[in-house]
PDB file of N, CA and C in Angstrom:
ATOM      1  N   MET A   1      13.271   3.966  -9.039  1.00  0.00           N
ATOM      2  CA  MET A   1      12.851   3.515  -7.733  1.00  0.00           C
ATOM      3  C   MET A   1      13.572   4.345  -6.681  1.00  0.00           C
ATOM      4  N   LEU A   2      12.845   4.752  -5.666  1.00  0.00           N
ATOM      5  CA  LEU A   2      13.423   5.534  -4.578  1.00  0.00           C
ATOM      6  C   LEU A   2      14.179   4.639  -3.614  1.00  0.00           C
ATOM      7  N   ASP A   3      15.260   5.166  -3.045  1.00  0.00           N
ATOM      8  CA  ASP A   3      15.899   4.428  -1.972  1.00  0.00           C
ATOM      9  C   ASP A   3      15.163   4.741  -0.669  1.00  0.00           C
ATOM     10  N   ARG A   4      15.500   4.055   0.375  1.00  0.00           N
ATOM     11  CA  ARG A   4      14.797   4.186   1.660  1.00  0.00           C
ATOM     12  C   ARG A   4      14.808   5.624   2.181  1.00  0.00           C
ATOM     13  N   LYS A   5      15.975   6.288   2.113  1.00  0.00           N
ATOM     14  CA  LYS A   5      16.087   7.646   2.625  1.00  0.00           C
ATOM     15  C   LYS A   5      15.170   8.598   1.861  1.00  0.00           C
ATOM     16  N   GLU A   6      15.162   8.507   0.528  1.00  0.00           N
ATOM     17  CA  GLU A   6      14.299   9.377  -0.279  1.00  0.00           C
ATOM     18  C   GLU A   6      12.831   9.124   0.039  1.00  0.00           C
ATOM     19  N   PHE A   7      12.466   7.853   0.184  1.00  0.00           N
ATOM     20  CA  PHE A   7      11.084   7.505   0.481  1.00  0.00           C
ATOM     21  C   PHE A   7      10.659   8.071   1.833  1.00  0.00           C
ATOM     22  N   LEU A   8      11.480   7.851   2.859  1.00  0.00           N
ATOM     23  CA  LEU A   8      11.124   8.321   4.198  1.00  0.00           C
ATOM     24  C   LEU A   8      11.094   9.837   4.265  1.00  0.00           C
ATOM     25  N   THR A   9      11.987  10.491   3.529  1.00  0.00           N
ATOM     26  CA  THR A   9      11.970  11.949   3.481  1.00  0.00           C
ATOM     27  C   THR A   9      10.666  12.437   2.881  1.00  0.00           C
ATOM     28  N   GLY A  10      10.216  11.797   1.814  1.00  0.00           N
ATOM     29  CA  GLY A  10       8.951  12.174   1.177  1.00  0.00           C
ATOM     30  C   GLY A  10       7.769  11.955   2.095  1.00  0.00           C
ATOM     31  N   ILE A  11       7.770  10.850   2.813  1.00  0.00           N
ATOM     32  CA  ILE A  11       6.671  10.552   3.733  1.00  0.00           C
ATOM     33  C   ILE A  11       6.617  11.593   4.845  1.00  0.00           C
ATOM     34  N   ALA A  12       7.772  11.947   5.385  1.00  0.00           N
ATOM     35  CA  ALA A  12       7.801  12.880   6.502  1.00  0.00           C
ATOM     36  C   ALA A  12       7.246  14.241   6.114  1.00  0.00           C
ATOM     37  N   GLY A  13       7.422  14.645   4.859  1.00  0.00           N
ATOM     38  CA  GLY A  13       6.999  15.974   4.449  1.00  0.00           C
ATOM     39  C   GLY A  13       5.527  16.100   4.160  1.00  0.00           C
ATOM     40  N   VAL A  14       4.960  15.218   3.376  1.00  0.00           N
ATOM     41  CA  VAL A  14       3.613  15.483   2.885  1.00  0.00           C
ATOM     42  C   VAL A  14       2.715  14.259   2.799  1.00  0.00           C
ATOM     43  N   THR A  15       3.012  13.202   3.486  1.00  0.00           N
ATOM     44  CA  THR A  15       2.237  11.989   3.323  1.00  0.00           C
ATOM     45  C   THR A  15       1.136  11.874   4.355  1.00  0.00           C
ATOM     46  N   VAL A  16       0.022  11.405   3.903  1.00  0.00           N
ATOM     47  CA  VAL A  16      -1.048  11.005   4.789  1.00  0.00           C
ATOM     48  C   VAL A  16      -0.983   9.485   4.843  1.00  0.00           C
ATOM     49  N   THR A  17      -0.884   8.915   6.025  1.00  0.00           N
ATOM     50  CA  THR A  17      -0.852   7.470   6.144  1.00  0.00           C
ATOM     51  C   THR A  17      -2.275   6.968   6.223  1.00  0.00           C
ATOM     52  N   LEU A  18      -2.588   6.061   5.324  1.00  0.00           N
ATOM     53  CA  LEU A  18      -3.933   5.496   5.269  1.00  0.00           C
ATOM     54  C   LEU A  18      -3.932   4.132   5.917  1.00  0.00           C
ATOM     55  N   ILE A  19      -4.871   3.883   6.793  1.00  0.00           N
ATOM     56  CA  ILE A  19      -5.085   2.556   7.325  1.00  0.00           C
ATOM     57  C   ILE A  19      -6.241   1.985   6.524  1.00  0.00           C
ATOM     58  N   VAL A  20      -5.958   0.962   5.747  1.00  0.00           N
ATOM     59  CA  VAL A  20      -6.953   0.425   4.832  1.00  0.00           C
ATOM     60  C   VAL A  20      -7.359  -0.951   5.322  1.00  0.00           C
ATOM     61  N   THR A  21      -8.632  -1.151   5.553  1.00  0.00           N
ATOM     62  CA  THR A  21      -9.123  -2.456   5.949  1.00  0.00           C
ATOM     63  C   THR A  21      -9.250  -3.312   4.717  1.00  0.00           C
ATOM     64  N   ALA A  22      -8.674  -4.470   4.744  1.00  0.00           N
ATOM     65  CA  ALA A  22      -8.667  -5.356   3.580  1.00  0.00           C
ATOM     66  C   ALA A  22      -9.985  -6.109   3.518  1.00  0.00           C
ATOM     67  N   CYS A  23     -10.953  -5.559   2.825  1.00  0.00           N
ATOM     68  CA  CYS A  23     -12.246  -6.175   2.508  1.00  0.00           C
ATOM     69  C   CYS A  23     -12.812  -7.057   3.612  1.00  0.00           C
ATOM     70  N   GLY A  24     -13.517  -6.482   4.534  1.00  0.00           N
ATOM     71  CA  GLY A  24     -14.220  -7.271   5.526  1.00  0.00           C
ATOM     72  C   GLY A  24     -13.466  -7.426   6.833  1.00  0.00           C
ATOM     73  N   GLY A  25     -12.288  -6.843   6.940  1.00  0.00           N
ATOM     74  CA  GLY A  25     -11.555  -6.923   8.191  1.00  0.00           C
ATOM     75  C   GLY A  25     -12.262  -6.117   9.266  1.00  0.00           C
ATOM     76  N   ASP A  26     -11.726  -6.154  10.461  1.00  0.00           N
ATOM     77  CA  ASP A  26     -12.351  -5.393  11.534  1.00  0.00           C
ATOM     78  C   ASP A  26     -12.054  -3.908  11.372  1.00  0.00           C
ATOM     79  N   ASP A  27     -12.580  -3.105  12.249  1.00  0.00           N
ATOM     80  CA  ASP A  27     -12.411  -1.664  12.165  1.00  0.00           C
ATOM     81  C   ASP A  27     -11.246  -1.162  13.003  1.00  0.00           C
ATOM     82  N   SER A  28     -10.332  -2.058  13.381  1.00  0.00           N
ATOM     83  CA  SER A  28      -9.209  -1.615  14.200  1.00  0.00           C
ATOM     84  C   SER A  28      -8.312  -0.687  13.401  1.00  0.00           C
ATOM     85  N   GLN A  29      -7.462   0.026  14.082  1.00  0.00           N
ATOM     86  CA  GLN A  29      -6.550   0.947  13.424  1.00  0.00           C
ATOM     87  C   GLN A  29      -5.343   0.242  12.835  1.00  0.00           C
ATOM     88  N   GLY A  30      -5.202  -1.056  13.031  1.00  0.00           N
ATOM     89  CA  GLY A  30      -4.053  -1.766  12.492  1.00  0.00           C
ATOM     90  C   GLY A  30      -2.804  -1.393  13.267  1.00  0.00           C
ATOM     91  N   THR A  31      -1.666  -1.773  12.704  1.00  0.00           N
ATOM     92  CA  THR A  31      -0.397  -1.430  13.326  1.00  0.00           C
ATOM     93  C   THR A  31       0.246  -0.333  12.514  1.00  0.00           C
ATOM     94  N   PRO A  32       1.070   0.494  13.125  1.00  0.00           N
ATOM     95  CA  PRO A  32       1.717   1.562  12.368  1.00  0.00           C
ATOM     96  C   PRO A  32       2.560   0.992  11.239  1.00  0.00           C
ATOM     97  N   ALA A  33       2.644   1.709  10.120  1.00  0.00           N
ATOM     98  CA  ALA A  33       3.466   1.250   9.007  1.00  0.00           C
ATOM     99  C   ALA A  33       4.867   0.989   9.517  1.00  0.00           C
ATOM    100  N   GLY A  34       5.386  -0.178   9.175  1.00  0.00           N
ATOM    101  CA  GLY A  34       6.732  -0.532   9.626  1.00  0.00           C
ATOM    102  C   GLY A  34       6.729  -1.507  10.779  1.00  0.00           C
ATOM    103  N   GLU A  35       5.556  -1.804  11.363  1.00  0.00           N
ATOM    104  CA  GLU A  35       5.484  -2.734  12.479  1.00  0.00           C
ATOM    105  C   GLU A  35       4.436  -3.797  12.195  1.00  0.00           C
ATOM    106  N   GLY A  36       4.522  -4.411  11.031  1.00  0.00           N
ATOM    107  CA  GLY A  36       3.532  -5.389  10.632  1.00  0.00           C
ATOM    108  C   GLY A  36       3.613  -6.665  11.439  1.00  0.00           C
ATOM    109  N   ASP A  37       2.486  -7.350  11.538  1.00  0.00           N
ATOM    110  CA  ASP A  37       2.440  -8.620  12.237  1.00  0.00           C
ATOM    111  C   ASP A  37       2.236  -9.779  11.273  1.00  0.00           C
ATOM    112  N   GLY A  38       2.241  -9.498   9.960  1.00  0.00           N
ATOM    113  CA  GLY A  38       2.083 -10.542   8.961  1.00  0.00           C
ATOM    114  C   GLY A  38       0.664 -11.041   8.824  1.00  0.00           C
ATOM    115  N   ASN A  39      -0.277 -10.481   9.595  1.00  0.00           N
ATOM    116  CA  ASN A  39      -1.660 -10.933   9.533  1.00  0.00           C
ATOM    117  C   ASN A  39      -2.448 -10.024   8.599  1.00  0.00           C
ATOM    118  N   CYS A  40      -2.443 -10.357   7.330  1.00  0.00           N
ATOM    119  CA  CYS A  40      -3.128  -9.535   6.331  1.00  0.00           C
ATOM    120  C   CYS A  40      -4.638  -9.696   6.408  1.00  0.00           C
ATOM    121  N   MET A  41      -5.105 -10.598   7.250  1.00  0.00           N
ATOM    122  CA  MET A  41      -6.545 -10.774   7.391  1.00  0.00           C
ATOM    123  C   MET A  41      -7.135  -9.704   8.309  1.00  0.00           C
ATOM    124  N   ASP A  42      -6.296  -8.993   9.050  1.00  0.00           N
ATOM    125  CA  ASP A  42      -6.775  -7.898   9.879  1.00  0.00           C
ATOM    126  C   ASP A  42      -6.740  -6.607   9.070  1.00  0.00           C
ATOM    127  N   ASP A  43      -5.596  -6.050   8.906  1.00  0.00           N
ATOM    128  CA  ASP A  43      -5.445  -4.788   8.192  1.00  0.00           C
ATOM    129  C   ASP A  43      -4.139  -4.773   7.415  1.00  0.00           C
ATOM    130  N   ILE A  44      -4.098  -3.948   6.397  1.00  0.00           N
ATOM    131  CA  ILE A  44      -2.823  -3.593   5.799  1.00  0.00           C
ATOM    132  C   ILE A  44      -2.636  -2.106   6.046  1.00  0.00           C
ATOM    133  N   ASP A  45      -1.400  -1.724   6.241  1.00  0.00           N
ATOM    134  CA  ASP A  45      -1.068  -0.318   6.431  1.00  0.00           C
ATOM    135  C   ASP A  45      -0.415   0.161   5.149  1.00  0.00           C
ATOM    136  N   VAL A  46      -0.869   1.299   4.657  1.00  0.00           N
ATOM    137  CA  VAL A  46      -0.369   1.839   3.404  1.00  0.00           C
ATOM    138  C   VAL A  46       0.013   3.292   3.611  1.00  0.00           C
ATOM    139  N   ALA A  47       1.228   3.635   3.256  1.00  0.00           N
ATOM    140  CA  ALA A  47       1.669   5.029   3.264  1.00  0.00           C
ATOM    141  C   ALA A  47       1.880   5.430   1.808  1.00  0.00           C
ATOM    142  N   ILE A  48       1.170   6.459   1.357  1.00  0.00           N
ATOM    143  CA  ILE A  48       1.254   6.933  -0.022  1.00  0.00           C
ATOM    144  C   ILE A  48       1.868   8.328  -0.006  1.00  0.00           C
ATOM    145  N   THR A  49       3.035   8.467  -0.615  1.00  0.00           N
ATOM    146  CA  THR A  49       3.727   9.745  -0.643  1.00  0.00           C
ATOM    147  C   THR A  49       2.988  10.734  -1.535  1.00  0.00           C
ATOM    148  N   SER A  50       2.930  11.997  -1.094  1.00  0.00           N
ATOM    149  CA  SER A  50       2.257  13.078  -1.836  1.00  0.00           C
ATOM    150  C   SER A  50       0.811  12.705  -2.159  1.00  0.00           C
ATOM    151  N   ASN A  51       0.145  12.135  -1.184  1.00  0.00           N
ATOM    152  CA  ASN A  51      -1.211  11.652  -1.401  1.00  0.00           C
ATOM    153  C   ASN A  51      -2.226  12.790  -1.437  1.00  0.00           C
ATOM    154  N   HIS A  52      -3.207  12.616  -2.306  1.00  0.00           N
ATOM    155  CA  HIS A  52      -4.310  13.573  -2.402  1.00  0.00           C
ATOM    156  C   HIS A  52      -5.603  12.819  -2.679  1.00  0.00           C
ATOM    157  N   GLY A  53      -5.878  11.841  -1.821  1.00  0.00           N
ATOM    158  CA  GLY A  53      -7.128  11.105  -1.902  1.00  0.00           C
ATOM    159  C   GLY A  53      -7.014   9.674  -2.386  1.00  0.00           C
ATOM    160  N   HIS A  54      -5.822   9.219  -2.739  1.00  0.00           N
ATOM    161  CA  HIS A  54      -5.665   7.848  -3.232  1.00  0.00           C
ATOM    162  C   HIS A  54      -5.765   6.851  -2.082  1.00  0.00           C
ATOM    163  N   ALA A  55      -6.230   5.644  -2.401  1.00  0.00           N
ATOM    164  CA  ALA A  55      -6.356   4.580  -1.402  1.00  0.00           C
ATOM    165  C   ALA A  55      -6.149   3.238  -2.081  1.00  0.00           C
ATOM    166  N   LEU A  56      -5.649   2.286  -1.324  1.00  0.00           N
ATOM    167  CA  LEU A  56      -5.429   0.925  -1.815  1.00  0.00           C
ATOM    168  C   LEU A  56      -6.246  -0.036  -0.978  1.00  0.00           C
ATOM    169  N   GLN A  57      -6.974  -0.928  -1.655  1.00  0.00           N
ATOM    170  CA  GLN A  57      -7.691  -2.003  -0.976  1.00  0.00           C
ATOM    171  C   GLN A  57      -7.307  -3.318  -1.650  1.00  0.00           C
ATOM    172  N   VAL A  58      -6.938  -4.293  -0.835  1.00  0.00           N
ATOM    173  CA  VAL A  58      -6.544  -5.607  -1.331  1.00  0.00           C
ATOM    174  C   VAL A  58      -7.446  -6.641  -0.668  1.00  0.00           C
ATOM    175  N   PRO A  59      -8.285  -7.336  -1.443  1.00  0.00           N
ATOM    176  CA  PRO A  59      -9.186  -8.351  -0.866  1.00  0.00           C
ATOM    177  C   PRO A  59      -8.418  -9.521  -0.244  1.00  0.00           C
ATOM    178  N   PHE A  60      -9.001 -10.130   0.798  1.00  0.00           N
ATOM    179  CA  PHE A  60      -8.400 -11.292   1.452  1.00  0.00           C
ATOM    180  C   PHE A  60      -8.012 -12.356   0.443  1.00  0.00           C
ATOM    181  N   ALA A  61      -8.898 -12.646  -0.486  1.00  0.00           N
ATOM    182  CA  ALA A  61      -8.683 -13.725  -1.452  1.00  0.00           C
ATOM    183  C   ALA A  61      -7.390 -13.528  -2.238  1.00  0.00           C
ATOM    184  N   ASP A  62      -7.007 -12.286  -2.465  1.00  0.00           N
ATOM    185  CA  ASP A  62      -5.781 -12.029  -3.223  1.00  0.00           C
ATOM    186  C   ASP A  62      -4.547 -12.447  -2.435  1.00  0.00           C
ATOM    187  N   PHE A  63      -4.587 -12.325  -1.106  1.00  0.00           N
ATOM    188  CA  PHE A  63      -3.465 -12.782  -0.295  1.00  0.00           C
ATOM    189  C   PHE A  63      -3.391 -14.299  -0.319  1.00  0.00           C
ATOM    190  N   ASP A  64      -4.547 -14.954  -0.297  1.00  0.00           N
ATOM    191  CA  ASP A  64      -4.569 -16.415  -0.334  1.00  0.00           C
ATOM    192  C   ASP A  64      -4.057 -16.953  -1.658  1.00  0.00           C
ATOM    193  N   SER A  65      -4.472 -16.334  -2.762  1.00  0.00           N
ATOM    194  CA  SER A  65      -4.048 -16.833  -4.075  1.00  0.00           C
ATOM    195  C   SER A  65      -2.580 -16.507  -4.339  1.00  0.00           C
ATOM    196  N   GLY A  66      -2.124 -15.347  -3.850  1.00  0.00           N
ATOM    197  CA  GLY A  66      -0.733 -14.975  -4.027  1.00  0.00           C
ATOM    198  C   GLY A  66      -0.325 -14.688  -5.459  1.00  0.00           C
ATOM    199  N   GLN A  67      -1.282 -14.563  -6.364  1.00  0.00           N
ATOM    200  CA  GLN A  67      -0.993 -14.297  -7.770  1.00  0.00           C
ATOM    201  C   GLN A  67      -0.809 -12.811  -8.007  1.00  0.00           C
ATOM    202  N   SER A  68       0.063 -12.457  -8.951  1.00  0.00           N
ATOM    203  CA  SER A  68       0.270 -11.051  -9.298  1.00  0.00           C
ATOM    204  C   SER A  68      -1.049 -10.426  -9.717  1.00  0.00           C
ATOM    205  N   LYS A  69      -1.260  -9.176  -9.278  1.00  0.00           N
ATOM    206  CA  LYS A  69      -2.497  -8.491  -9.616  1.00  0.00           C
ATOM    207  C   LYS A  69      -2.281  -6.985  -9.548  1.00  0.00           C
ATOM    208  N   SER A  70      -2.940  -6.255 -10.451  1.00  0.00           N
ATOM    209  CA  SER A  70      -2.886  -4.793 -10.454  1.00  0.00           C
ATOM    210  C   SER A  70      -4.108  -4.237  -9.738  1.00  0.00           C
ATOM    211  N   TYR A  71      -3.900  -3.115  -9.040  1.00  0.00           N
ATOM    212  CA  TYR A  71      -4.955  -2.467  -8.267  1.00  0.00           C
ATOM    213  C   TYR A  71      -5.040  -0.987  -8.609  1.00  0.00           C
ATOM    214  N   SER A  72      -6.254  -0.488  -8.698  1.00  0.00           N
ATOM    215  CA  SER A  72      -6.494   0.941  -8.821  1.00  0.00           C
ATOM    216  C   SER A  72      -6.320   1.552  -7.441  1.00  0.00           C
ATOM    217  N   ILE A  73      -5.726   2.744  -7.394  1.00  0.00           N
ATOM    218  CA  ILE A  73      -5.621   3.462  -6.115  1.00  0.00           C
ATOM    219  C   ILE A  73      -6.354   4.803  -6.206  1.00  0.00           C
ATOM    220  N   LYS A  74      -7.380   4.877  -7.070  1.00  0.00           N
ATOM    221  CA  LYS A  74      -8.060   6.151  -7.294  1.00  0.00           C
ATOM    222  C   LYS A  74      -8.588   6.760  -6.002  1.00  0.00           C
ATOM    223  N   GLY A  75      -9.261   5.984  -5.178  1.00  0.00           N
ATOM    224  CA  GLY A  75      -9.837   6.531  -3.950  1.00  0.00           C
ATOM    225  C   GLY A  75     -10.734   7.708  -4.265  1.00  0.00           C
ATOM    226  N   THR A  76     -10.545   8.829  -3.578  1.00  0.00           N
ATOM    227  CA  THR A  76     -11.362  10.022  -3.814  1.00  0.00           C
ATOM    228  C   THR A  76     -10.662  11.048  -4.700  1.00  0.00           C
ATOM    229  N   ALA A  77      -9.496  10.686  -5.247  1.00  0.00           N
ATOM    230  CA  ALA A  77      -8.765  11.597  -6.137  1.00  0.00           C
ATOM    231  C   ALA A  77      -9.537  11.761  -7.450  1.00  0.00           C
ATOM    232  N   ASP A  78      -9.218  12.818  -8.210  1.00  0.00           N
ATOM    233  CA  ASP A  78      -9.908  13.058  -9.481  1.00  0.00           C
ATOM    234  C   ASP A  78      -9.231  12.354 -10.651  1.00  0.00           C
ATOM    235  N   HIS A  79      -8.254  11.515 -10.375  1.00  0.00           N
ATOM    236  CA  HIS A  79      -7.568  10.743 -11.410  1.00  0.00           C
ATOM    237  C   HIS A  79      -7.114   9.428 -10.786  1.00  0.00           C
ATOM    238  N   ASP A  80      -6.725   8.491 -11.634  1.00  0.00           N
ATOM    239  CA  ASP A  80      -6.372   7.160 -11.156  1.00  0.00           C
ATOM    240  C   ASP A  80      -4.886   6.884 -11.362  1.00  0.00           C
ATOM    241  N   HIS A  81      -4.367   6.001 -10.541  1.00  0.00           N
ATOM    242  CA  HIS A  81      -3.063   5.379 -10.702  1.00  0.00           C
ATOM    243  C   HIS A  81      -3.286   3.900 -10.394  1.00  0.00           C
ATOM    244  N   SER A  82      -2.324   3.083 -10.729  1.00  0.00           N
ATOM    245  CA  SER A  82      -2.412   1.688 -10.321  1.00  0.00           C
ATOM    246  C   SER A  82      -1.048   1.206  -9.853  1.00  0.00           C
ATOM    247  N   ILE A  83      -1.080   0.116  -9.103  1.00  0.00           N
ATOM    248  CA  ILE A  83       0.146  -0.575  -8.702  1.00  0.00           C
ATOM    249  C   ILE A  83      -0.084  -2.060  -8.952  1.00  0.00           C
ATOM    250  N   THR A  84       0.995  -2.788  -9.094  1.00  0.00           N
ATOM    251  CA  THR A  84       0.916  -4.237  -9.245  1.00  0.00           C
ATOM    252  C   THR A  84       1.649  -4.879  -8.084  1.00  0.00           C
ATOM    253  N   LEU A  85       0.957  -5.790  -7.407  1.00  0.00           N
ATOM    254  CA  LEU A  85       1.584  -6.606  -6.376  1.00  0.00           C
ATOM    255  C   LEU A  85       1.907  -7.956  -7.009  1.00  0.00           C
ATOM    256  N   THR A  86       3.153  -8.381  -6.870  1.00  0.00           N
ATOM    257  CA  THR A  86       3.617  -9.635  -7.467  1.00  0.00           C
ATOM    258  C   THR A  86       3.489 -10.780  -6.464  1.00  0.00           C
ATOM    259  N   THR A  87       3.721 -11.984  -6.938  1.00  0.00           N
ATOM    260  CA  THR A  87       3.745 -13.153  -6.066  1.00  0.00           C
ATOM    261  C   THR A  87       4.743 -12.940  -4.938  1.00  0.00           C
ATOM    262  N   SER A  88       5.899 -12.389  -5.275  1.00  0.00           N
ATOM    263  CA  SER A  88       6.927 -12.105  -4.277  1.00  0.00           C
ATOM    264  C   SER A  88       6.457 -11.063  -3.261  1.00  0.00           C
ATOM    265  N   ASP A  89       5.730 -10.038  -3.731  1.00  0.00           N
ATOM    266  CA  ASP A  89       5.197  -9.015  -2.815  1.00  0.00           C
ATOM    267  C   ASP A  89       4.239  -9.630  -1.806  1.00  0.00           C
ATOM    268  N   PHE A  90       3.342 -10.508  -2.271  1.00  0.00           N
ATOM    269  CA  PHE A  90       2.394 -11.149  -1.351  1.00  0.00           C
ATOM    270  C   PHE A  90       3.137 -12.005  -0.320  1.00  0.00           C
ATOM    271  N   SER A  91       4.170 -12.698  -0.768  1.00  0.00           N
ATOM    272  CA  SER A  91       4.968 -13.508   0.150  1.00  0.00           C
ATOM    273  C   SER A  91       5.649 -12.615   1.187  1.00  0.00           C
ATOM    274  N   ASP A  92       6.234 -11.507   0.737  1.00  0.00           N
ATOM    275  CA  ASP A  92       6.877 -10.580   1.672  1.00  0.00           C
ATOM    276  C   ASP A  92       5.881 -10.035   2.685  1.00  0.00           C
ATOM    277  N   LEU A  93       4.700  -9.651   2.239  1.00  0.00           N
ATOM    278  CA  LEU A  93       3.683  -9.122   3.153  1.00  0.00           C
ATOM    279  C   LEU A  93       3.292 -10.152   4.200  1.00  0.00           C
ATOM    280  N   LYS A  94       3.109 -11.398   3.785  1.00  0.00           N
ATOM    281  CA  LYS A  94       2.746 -12.448   4.733  1.00  0.00           C
ATOM    282  C   LYS A  94       3.855 -12.692   5.749  1.00  0.00           C
ATOM    283  N   ASN A  95       5.091 -12.342   5.380  1.00  0.00           N
ATOM    284  CA  ASN A  95       6.237 -12.514   6.275  1.00  0.00           C
ATOM    285  C   ASN A  95       6.627 -11.215   6.968  1.00  0.00           C
ATOM    286  N   SER A  96       5.685 -10.287   7.074  1.00  0.00           N
ATOM    287  CA  SER A  96       5.856  -9.008   7.784  1.00  0.00           C
ATOM    288  C   SER A  96       6.943  -8.123   7.194  1.00  0.00           C
ATOM    289  N   LYS A  97       7.233  -8.287   5.924  1.00  0.00           N
ATOM    290  CA  LYS A  97       8.211  -7.422   5.274  1.00  0.00           C
ATOM    291  C   LYS A  97       7.492  -6.279   4.578  1.00  0.00           C
ATOM    292  N   LYS A  98       8.099  -5.096   4.606  1.00  0.00           N
ATOM    293  CA  LYS A  98       7.549  -3.944   3.899  1.00  0.00           C
ATOM    294  C   LYS A  98       7.698  -4.150   2.401  1.00  0.00           C
ATOM    295  N   VAL A  99       6.692  -3.724   1.683  1.00  0.00           N
ATOM    296  CA  VAL A  99       6.747  -3.737   0.222  1.00  0.00           C
ATOM    297  C   VAL A  99       6.713  -2.282  -0.231  1.00  0.00           C
ATOM    298  N   ILE A 100       7.706  -1.896  -1.002  1.00  0.00           N
ATOM    299  CA  ILE A 100       7.797  -0.543  -1.539  1.00  0.00           C
ATOM    300  C   ILE A 100       7.458  -0.611  -3.018  1.00  0.00           C
ATOM    301  N   LYS A 101       6.491   0.180  -3.440  1.00  0.00           N
ATOM    302  CA  LYS A 101       6.047   0.200  -4.837  1.00  0.00           C
ATOM    303  C   LYS A 101       5.925   1.643  -5.303  1.00  0.00           C
ATOM    304  N   GLU A 102       5.949   1.818  -6.605  1.00  0.00           N
ATOM    305  CA  GLU A 102       5.709   3.123  -7.223  1.00  0.00           C
ATOM    306  C   GLU A 102       4.478   2.949  -8.105  1.00  0.00           C
ATOM    307  N   SER A 103       3.509   3.844  -7.972  1.00  0.00           N
ATOM    308  CA  SER A 103       2.311   3.768  -8.803  1.00  0.00           C
ATOM    309  C   SER A 103       2.657   4.111 -10.249  1.00  0.00           C
ATOM    310  N   THR A 104       1.715   3.846 -11.121  1.00  0.00           N
ATOM    311  CA  THR A 104       1.877   4.281 -12.497  1.00  0.00           C
ATOM    312  C   THR A 104       1.894   5.802 -12.541  1.00  0.00           C
ATOM    313  N   ASN A 105       2.477   6.345 -13.595  1.00  0.00           N
ATOM    314  CA  ASN A 105       2.545   7.789 -13.782  1.00  0.00           C
ATOM    315  C   ASN A 105       1.289   8.222 -14.533  1.00  0.00           C
ATOM    316  N   ASN A 106       0.509   9.098 -13.912  1.00  0.00           N
ATOM    317  CA  ASN A 106      -0.721   9.599 -14.513  1.00  0.00           C
ATOM    318  C   ASN A 106      -0.871  11.047 -14.071  1.00  0.00           C
ATOM    319  N   SER A 107      -1.414  11.861 -14.910  1.00  0.00           N
ATOM    320  CA  SER A 107      -1.575  13.284 -14.605  1.00  0.00           C
ATOM    321  C   SER A 107      -0.237  13.940 -14.264  1.00  0.00           C
ATOM    322  N   GLY A 108       0.841  13.427 -14.867  1.00  0.00           N
ATOM    323  CA  GLY A 108       2.152  14.029 -14.702  1.00  0.00           C
ATOM    324  C   GLY A 108       2.907  13.662 -13.440  1.00  0.00           C
ATOM    325  N   HIS A 109       2.440  12.664 -12.704  1.00  0.00           N
ATOM    326  CA  HIS A 109       3.142  12.268 -11.486  1.00  0.00           C
ATOM    327  C   HIS A 109       2.832  10.818 -11.124  1.00  0.00           C
ATOM    328  N   SER A 110       3.611  10.295 -10.193  1.00  0.00           N
ATOM    329  CA  SER A 110       3.367   8.967  -9.631  1.00  0.00           C
ATOM    330  C   SER A 110       3.480   9.084  -8.112  1.00  0.00           C
ATOM    331  N   HIS A 111       3.188   7.997  -7.415  1.00  0.00           N
ATOM    332  CA  HIS A 111       3.224   7.994  -5.951  1.00  0.00           C
ATOM    333  C   HIS A 111       4.021   6.793  -5.432  1.00  0.00           C
ATOM    334  N   PRO A 112       5.122   7.028  -4.720  1.00  0.00           N
ATOM    335  CA  PRO A 112       5.770   5.922  -4.004  1.00  0.00           C
ATOM    336  C   PRO A 112       4.834   5.471  -2.870  1.00  0.00           C
ATOM    337  N   MET A 113       4.825   4.180  -2.632  1.00  0.00           N
ATOM    338  CA  MET A 113       3.954   3.614  -1.603  1.00  0.00           C
ATOM    339  C   MET A 113       4.731   2.611  -0.759  1.00  0.00           C
ATOM    340  N   GLN A 114       4.369   2.541   0.521  1.00  0.00           N
ATOM    341  CA  GLN A 114       4.900   1.539   1.432  1.00  0.00           C
ATOM    342  C   GLN A 114       3.710   0.744   1.956  1.00  0.00           C
ATOM    343  N   ILE A 115       3.790  -0.578   1.854  1.00  0.00           N
ATOM    344  CA  ILE A 115       2.678  -1.450   2.266  1.00  0.00           C
ATOM    345  C   ILE A 115       3.230  -2.479   3.244  1.00  0.00           C
ATOM    346  N   ILE A 116       2.486  -2.747   4.315  1.00  0.00           N
ATOM    347  CA  ILE A 116       2.878  -3.789   5.268  1.00  0.00           C
ATOM    348  C   ILE A 116       1.614  -4.357   5.927  1.00  0.00           C
ATOM    349  N   CYS A 117       1.682  -5.644   6.272  1.00  0.00           N
ATOM    350  CA  CYS A 117       0.565  -6.285   6.996  1.00  0.00           C
ATOM    351  C   CYS A 117       0.816  -6.191   8.476  1.00  0.00           C
TER     352      CYS A 117
END
């Protein structure tokens, strides 16, 4: 797991920040990663380090259920990775806390991710 400094260094160099609308949300740009309002019904902000087309979408219902679940982040990339959000992660997101995750290792690499509502 990366510490905060390593993660932020990676983001600053080569990350594309994706604003992902959580299934049916509005088309707003959301809030910048790191300034969440805890309202996952609007948008989630996702920063994926060394991104090359990956994207994360989390349906509203998953925030309501709060149960652990794995997600594909394939997006437009030519290979897939996944991440798992735990019950604790959903609770943190609802409380405007950043969630730091590492994707599965596929095609010889993984992607650190920062998620916030």
